[in-house]
Amino acid sequence: MAEAVTVARPYAEAVFALADADGTLGKWSQMLGVMATVAAAPEMAAATGNPNLASEQIYGLFAGACGDLTTEAQNFVRVLIENDRLTLLPEIRDNFEELKNAREGVVDAVITTAYPLDGGQLAALVAELESRFKRKVNPQVQVDAELIGGARLQVGDEVIDGSVRGKLAEMAAALMK
């Protein structure tokens, strides 16, 4: 069976093309976020897997939980339900966000530190990353005490490990040679 990400990609590309043409990337990003959260809920998974519920009933439950959806979003949800792809909404949202970020020149950065960063430290780190990568950086900060000190940064496919734990691992590898 195909990977969920592979199956979700054409749907994300179709929504992205629609949103890009209409200039509604931000609105679609918000709607897909809500729809992905609703689709991932255990109650919705139970409803979509229930053979006693018709497509319109599933749509009614889903649309009611999502709240205000545009006509295009409502049609998109109906297509997903008819093709039994509603559970792919988290992957569709992720693919859409990647396409949106590429269009807007934004890159996601996962910043893992041993201790919480204050606002000034985070702002300085983000400014440095934006200067290095020549793109706007969308930071996601995580705290991992096992790093001992320093930080580990992942920007796209590139990893910058400036943690004490990483440095100790490098020294151990050098000593083993």
C-alpha atoms as a PDB file:
ATOM      1  CA  MET A   1       0.000   0.000   0.000  1.00  0.00           C
ATOM      2  CA  ALA A   2       1.208   3.499  -0.792  1.00  0.00           C
ATOM      3  CA  GLU A   3       2.502   5.732   1.986  1.00  0.00           C
ATOM      4  CA  ALA A   4      -0.025   8.213   3.349  1.00  0.00           C
ATOM      5  CA  VAL A   5       2.249  11.125   2.433  1.00  0.00           C
ATOM      6  CA  THR A   6       2.415   9.936  -1.180  1.00  0.00           C
ATOM      7  CA  VAL A   7      -1.359   9.596  -1.434  1.00  0.00           C
ATOM      8  CA  ALA A   8      -1.880  12.984   0.272  1.00  0.00           C
ATOM      9  CA  ARG A   9       0.497  14.911  -2.012  1.00  0.00           C
ATOM     10  CA  PRO A  10      -1.849  15.331  -5.033  1.00  0.00           C
ATOM     11  CA  TYR A  11      -4.623  16.610  -2.774  1.00  0.00           C
ATOM     12  CA  ALA A  12      -2.246  19.098  -1.132  1.00  0.00           C
ATOM     13  CA  GLU A  13      -0.970  20.243  -4.517  1.00  0.00           C
ATOM     14  CA  ALA A  14      -4.529  20.749  -5.786  1.00  0.00           C
ATOM     15  CA  VAL A  15      -5.507  22.802  -2.727  1.00  0.00           C
ATOM     16  CA  PHE A  16      -2.271  24.776  -2.962  1.00  0.00           C
ATOM     17  CA  ALA A  17      -2.891  25.592  -6.628  1.00  0.00           C
ATOM     18  CA  LEU A  18      -6.412  26.761  -5.811  1.00  0.00           C
ATOM     19  CA  ALA A  19      -5.294  28.839  -2.813  1.00  0.00           C
ATOM     20  CA  ASP A  20      -2.301  30.299  -4.662  1.00  0.00           C
ATOM     21  CA  ALA A  21      -4.454  31.353  -7.615  1.00  0.00           C
ATOM     22  CA  ASP A  22      -7.004  33.001  -5.294  1.00  0.00           C
ATOM     23  CA  GLY A  23      -4.395  34.555  -2.995  1.00  0.00           C
ATOM     24  CA  THR A  24      -5.857  32.706  -0.009  1.00  0.00           C
ATOM     25  CA  LEU A  25      -2.851  30.708   1.192  1.00  0.00           C
ATOM     26  CA  GLY A  26      -3.195  31.970   4.769  1.00  0.00           C
ATOM     27  CA  LYS A  27      -6.911  31.245   4.961  1.00  0.00           C
ATOM     28  CA  TRP A  28      -6.444  27.730   3.569  1.00  0.00           C
ATOM     29  CA  SER A  29      -3.585  27.151   5.985  1.00  0.00           C
ATOM     30  CA  GLN A  30      -5.900  27.962   8.904  1.00  0.00           C
ATOM     31  CA  MET A  31      -8.782  25.875   7.533  1.00  0.00           C
ATOM     32  CA  LEU A  32      -6.528  22.879   6.859  1.00  0.00           C
ATOM     33  CA  GLY A  33      -5.156  23.169  10.394  1.00  0.00           C
ATOM     34  CA  VAL A  34      -8.662  22.973  11.838  1.00  0.00           C
ATOM     35  CA  MET A  35      -9.703  20.184   9.452  1.00  0.00           C
ATOM     36  CA  ALA A  36      -6.559  18.163  10.232  1.00  0.00           C
ATOM     37  CA  THR A  37      -7.204  18.447  13.966  1.00  0.00           C
ATOM     38  CA  VAL A  38     -10.812  17.336  13.565  1.00  0.00           C
ATOM     39  CA  ALA A  39      -9.843  14.466  11.227  1.00  0.00           C
ATOM     40  CA  ALA A  40      -7.220  13.226  13.701  1.00  0.00           C
ATOM     41  CA  ALA A  41      -9.678  13.096  16.601  1.00  0.00           C
ATOM     42  CA  PRO A  42     -10.472   9.526  17.688  1.00  0.00           C
ATOM     43  CA  GLU A  43     -14.209  10.209  17.504  1.00  0.00           C
ATOM     44  CA  MET A  44     -13.940  11.265  13.865  1.00  0.00           C
ATOM     45  CA  ALA A  45     -11.807   8.227  13.041  1.00  0.00           C
ATOM     46  CA  ALA A  46     -14.530   6.040  14.571  1.00  0.00           C
ATOM     47  CA  ALA A  47     -17.209   7.818  12.536  1.00  0.00           C
ATOM     48  CA  THR A  48     -15.320   7.522   9.235  1.00  0.00           C
ATOM     49  CA  GLY A  49     -14.733   3.841   9.894  1.00  0.00           C
ATOM     50  CA  ASN A  50     -18.365   3.167  10.722  1.00  0.00           C
ATOM     51  CA  PRO A  51     -19.996   1.353   7.773  1.00  0.00           C
ATOM     52  CA  ASN A  52     -23.471   2.324   9.044  1.00  0.00           C
ATOM     53  CA  LEU A  53     -22.872   6.028   8.389  1.00  0.00           C
ATOM     54  CA  ALA A  54     -23.501   7.424   4.925  1.00  0.00           C
ATOM     55  CA  SER A  55     -21.138   9.935   3.326  1.00  0.00           C
ATOM     56  CA  GLU A  56     -23.552  12.815   3.991  1.00  0.00           C
ATOM     57  CA  GLN A  57     -23.748  11.883   7.669  1.00  0.00           C
ATOM     58  CA  ILE A  58     -19.965  11.819   7.959  1.00  0.00           C
ATOM     59  CA  TYR A  59     -19.815  15.152   6.136  1.00  0.00           C
ATOM     60  CA  GLY A  60     -22.392  16.628   8.539  1.00  0.00           C
ATOM     61  CA  LEU A  61     -20.407  15.500  11.574  1.00  0.00           C
ATOM     62  CA  PHE A  62     -17.133  16.708  10.130  1.00  0.00           C
ATOM     63  CA  ALA A  63     -18.391  20.082   8.875  1.00  0.00           C
ATOM     64  CA  GLY A  64     -20.171  20.688  12.173  1.00  0.00           C
ATOM     65  CA  ALA A  65     -16.964  20.080  14.101  1.00  0.00           C
ATOM     66  CA  CYS A  66     -14.914  22.303  11.769  1.00  0.00           C
ATOM     67  CA  GLY A  67     -17.210  25.289  11.939  1.00  0.00           C
ATOM     68  CA  ASP A  68     -17.114  27.914   9.183  1.00  0.00           C
ATOM     69  CA  LEU A  69     -15.715  26.430   5.957  1.00  0.00           C
ATOM     70  CA  THR A  70     -15.701  28.103   2.558  1.00  0.00           C
ATOM     71  CA  THR A  71     -17.618  26.532  -0.314  1.00  0.00           C
ATOM     72  CA  GLU A  72     -14.332  25.311  -1.808  1.00  0.00           C
ATOM     73  CA  ALA A  73     -13.328  23.727   1.503  1.00  0.00           C
ATOM     74  CA  GLN A  74     -16.740  22.065   1.815  1.00  0.00           C
ATOM     75  CA  ASN A  75     -16.349  20.608  -1.676  1.00  0.00           C
ATOM     76  CA  PHE A  76     -12.817  19.460  -0.821  1.00  0.00           C
ATOM     77  CA  VAL A  77     -14.087  17.659   2.281  1.00  0.00           C
ATOM     78  CA  ARG A  78     -16.814  15.954   0.238  1.00  0.00           C
ATOM     79  CA  VAL A  79     -14.198  14.725  -2.271  1.00  0.00           C
ATOM     80  CA  LEU A  80     -12.041  13.369   0.554  1.00  0.00           C
ATOM     81  CA  ILE A  81     -15.004  11.572   2.113  1.00  0.00           C
ATOM     82  CA  GLU A  82     -16.119  10.061  -1.206  1.00  0.00           C
ATOM     83  CA  ASN A  83     -12.578   8.795  -1.855  1.00  0.00           C
ATOM     84  CA  ASP A  84     -12.161   7.546   1.738  1.00  0.00           C
ATOM     85  CA  ARG A  85      -9.257   9.968   2.284  1.00  0.00           C
ATOM     86  CA  LEU A  86     -10.506  12.074   5.182  1.00  0.00           C
ATOM     87  CA  THR A  87      -7.932  10.546   7.519  1.00  0.00           C
ATOM     88  CA  LEU A  88      -5.173  11.959   5.278  1.00  0.00           C
ATOM     89  CA  LEU A  89      -5.931  15.553   6.276  1.00  0.00           C
ATOM     90  CA  PRO A  90      -2.940  15.850   8.660  1.00  0.00           C
ATOM     91  CA  GLU A  91      -0.580  14.774   5.859  1.00  0.00           C
ATOM     92  CA  ILE A  92      -2.385  17.013   3.357  1.00  0.00           C
ATOM     93  CA  ARG A  93      -1.963  19.953   5.754  1.00  0.00           C
ATOM     94  CA  ASP A  94       1.756  19.186   6.206  1.00  0.00           C
ATOM     95  CA  ASN A  95       2.338  18.977   2.440  1.00  0.00           C
ATOM     96  CA  PHE A  96       0.366  22.190   1.922  1.00  0.00           C
ATOM     97  CA  GLU A  97       2.454  23.992   4.551  1.00  0.00           C
ATOM     98  CA  GLU A  98       5.676  22.870   2.843  1.00  0.00           C
ATOM     99  CA  LEU A  99       4.437  24.236  -0.486  1.00  0.00           C
ATOM    100  CA  LYS A 100       3.245  27.459   1.153  1.00  0.00           C
ATOM    101  CA  ASN A 101       6.546  27.959   2.968  1.00  0.00           C
ATOM    102  CA  ALA A 102       8.487  27.389  -0.255  1.00  0.00           C
ATOM    103  CA  ARG A 103       6.328  29.970  -2.057  1.00  0.00           C
ATOM    104  CA  GLU A 104       6.751  32.517   0.737  1.00  0.00           C
ATOM    105  CA  GLY A 105      10.486  31.878   1.233  1.00  0.00           C
ATOM    106  CA  VAL A 106      10.060  30.512   4.745  1.00  0.00           C
ATOM    107  CA  VAL A 107      11.950  27.602   6.240  1.00  0.00           C
ATOM    108  CA  ASP A 108      11.023  25.695   9.410  1.00  0.00           C
ATOM    109  CA  ALA A 109      13.698  25.408  12.076  1.00  0.00           C
ATOM    110  CA  VAL A 110      13.516  22.993  14.997  1.00  0.00           C
ATOM    111  CA  ILE A 111      15.583  24.470  17.811  1.00  0.00           C
ATOM    112  CA  THR A 112      16.283  22.028  20.621  1.00  0.00           C
ATOM    113  CA  THR A 113      17.983  23.450  23.705  1.00  0.00           C
ATOM    114  CA  ALA A 114      18.959  22.099  27.101  1.00  0.00           C
ATOM    115  CA  TYR A 115      17.231  25.027  28.829  1.00  0.00           C
ATOM    116  CA  PRO A 116      14.319  27.291  27.839  1.00  0.00           C
ATOM    117  CA  LEU A 117      15.291  30.333  25.772  1.00  0.00           C
ATOM    118  CA  ASP A 118      14.096  33.802  26.697  1.00  0.00           C
ATOM    119  CA  GLY A 119      12.635  36.089  24.040  1.00  0.00           C
ATOM    120  CA  GLY A 120      15.902  37.926  23.373  1.00  0.00           C
ATOM    121  CA  GLN A 121      17.924  34.743  22.960  1.00  0.00           C
ATOM    122  CA  LEU A 122      15.382  33.271  20.574  1.00  0.00           C
ATOM    123  CA  ALA A 123      15.188  36.503  18.543  1.00  0.00           C
ATOM    124  CA  ALA A 124      18.991  36.628  18.228  1.00  0.00           C
ATOM    125  CA  LEU A 125      19.167  32.974  17.204  1.00  0.00           C
ATOM    126  CA  VAL A 126      16.392  33.391  14.618  1.00  0.00           C
ATOM    127  CA  ALA A 127      18.109  36.508  13.208  1.00  0.00           C
ATOM    128  CA  GLU A 128      21.369  34.571  12.880  1.00  0.00           C
ATOM    129  CA  LEU A 129      19.614  31.670  11.129  1.00  0.00           C
ATOM    130  CA  GLU A 130      17.801  34.048   8.756  1.00  0.00           C
ATOM    131  CA  SER A 131      21.131  35.657   7.904  1.00  0.00           C
ATOM    132  CA  ARG A 132      22.780  32.293   7.300  1.00  0.00           C
ATOM    133  CA  PHE A 133      19.977  30.725   5.236  1.00  0.00           C
ATOM    134  CA  LYS A 134      18.837  33.940   3.500  1.00  0.00           C
ATOM    135  CA  ARG A 135      15.213  33.049   4.220  1.00  0.00           C
ATOM    136  CA  LYS A 136      12.627  33.834   6.859  1.00  0.00           C
ATOM    137  CA  VAL A 137      12.785  31.262   9.661  1.00  0.00           C
ATOM    138  CA  ASN A 138       9.753  29.789  11.411  1.00  0.00           C
ATOM    139  CA  PRO A 139      11.177  28.531  14.746  1.00  0.00           C
ATOM    140  CA  GLN A 140       9.808  25.608  16.741  1.00  0.00           C
ATOM    141  CA  VAL A 141      11.529  25.456  20.119  1.00  0.00           C
ATOM    142  CA  GLN A 142      11.889  22.266  22.137  1.00  0.00           C
ATOM    143  CA  VAL A 143      13.657  21.653  25.447  1.00  0.00           C
ATOM    144  CA  ASP A 144      15.696  18.469  25.952  1.00  0.00           C
ATOM    145  CA  ALA A 145      17.693  18.357  29.190  1.00  0.00           C
ATOM    146  CA  GLU A 146      19.751  15.420  27.837  1.00  0.00           C
ATOM    147  CA  LEU A 147      21.649  17.877  25.616  1.00  0.00           C
ATOM    148  CA  ILE A 148      23.395  19.070  28.820  1.00  0.00           C
ATOM    149  CA  GLY A 149      24.015  22.520  27.304  1.00  0.00           C
ATOM    150  CA  GLY A 150      24.045  24.350  23.975  1.00  0.00           C
ATOM    151  CA  ALA A 151      21.562  23.747  21.175  1.00  0.00           C
ATOM    152  CA  ARG A 152      20.788  21.468  18.263  1.00  0.00           C
ATOM    153  CA  LEU A 153      19.293  23.149  15.200  1.00  0.00           C
ATOM    154  CA  GLN A 154      17.556  21.470  12.294  1.00  0.00           C
ATOM    155  CA  VAL A 155      16.740  23.704   9.351  1.00  0.00           C
ATOM    156  CA  GLY A 156      15.329  21.712   6.474  1.00  0.00           C
ATOM    157  CA  ASP A 157      17.770  18.858   5.867  1.00  0.00           C
ATOM    158  CA  GLU A 158      20.693  20.574   7.592  1.00  0.00           C
ATOM    159  CA  VAL A 159      21.519  19.824  11.228  1.00  0.00           C
ATOM    160  CA  ILE A 160      23.792  22.041  13.319  1.00  0.00           C
ATOM    161  CA  ASP A 161      24.690  20.305  16.568  1.00  0.00           C
ATOM    162  CA  GLY A 162      26.216  22.743  19.026  1.00  0.00           C
ATOM    163  CA  SER A 163      25.117  20.809  22.083  1.00  0.00           C
ATOM    164  CA  VAL A 164      27.478  19.595  24.784  1.00  0.00           C
ATOM    165  CA  ARG A 165      26.139  16.088  24.252  1.00  0.00           C
ATOM    166  CA  GLY A 166      26.974  16.317  20.525  1.00  0.00           C
ATOM    167  CA  LYS A 167      30.482  17.603  21.246  1.00  0.00           C
ATOM    168  CA  LEU A 168      31.083  14.766  23.718  1.00  0.00           C
ATOM    169  CA  ALA A 169      29.930  12.244  21.102  1.00  0.00           C
ATOM    170  CA  GLU A 170      32.344  13.771  18.547  1.00  0.00           C
ATOM    171  CA  MET A 171      35.232  13.548  21.031  1.00  0.00           C
ATOM    172  CA  ALA A 172      34.367   9.922  21.857  1.00  0.00           C
ATOM    173  CA  ALA A 173      34.332   9.065  18.143  1.00  0.00           C
ATOM    174  CA  ALA A 174      37.700  10.798  17.641  1.00  0.00           C
ATOM    175  CA  LEU A 175      39.234   8.903  20.551  1.00  0.00           C
ATOM    176  CA  MET A 176      38.009   5.590  19.118  1.00  0.00           C
ATOM    177  CA  LYS A 177      39.996   6.121  15.895  1.00  0.00           C
END
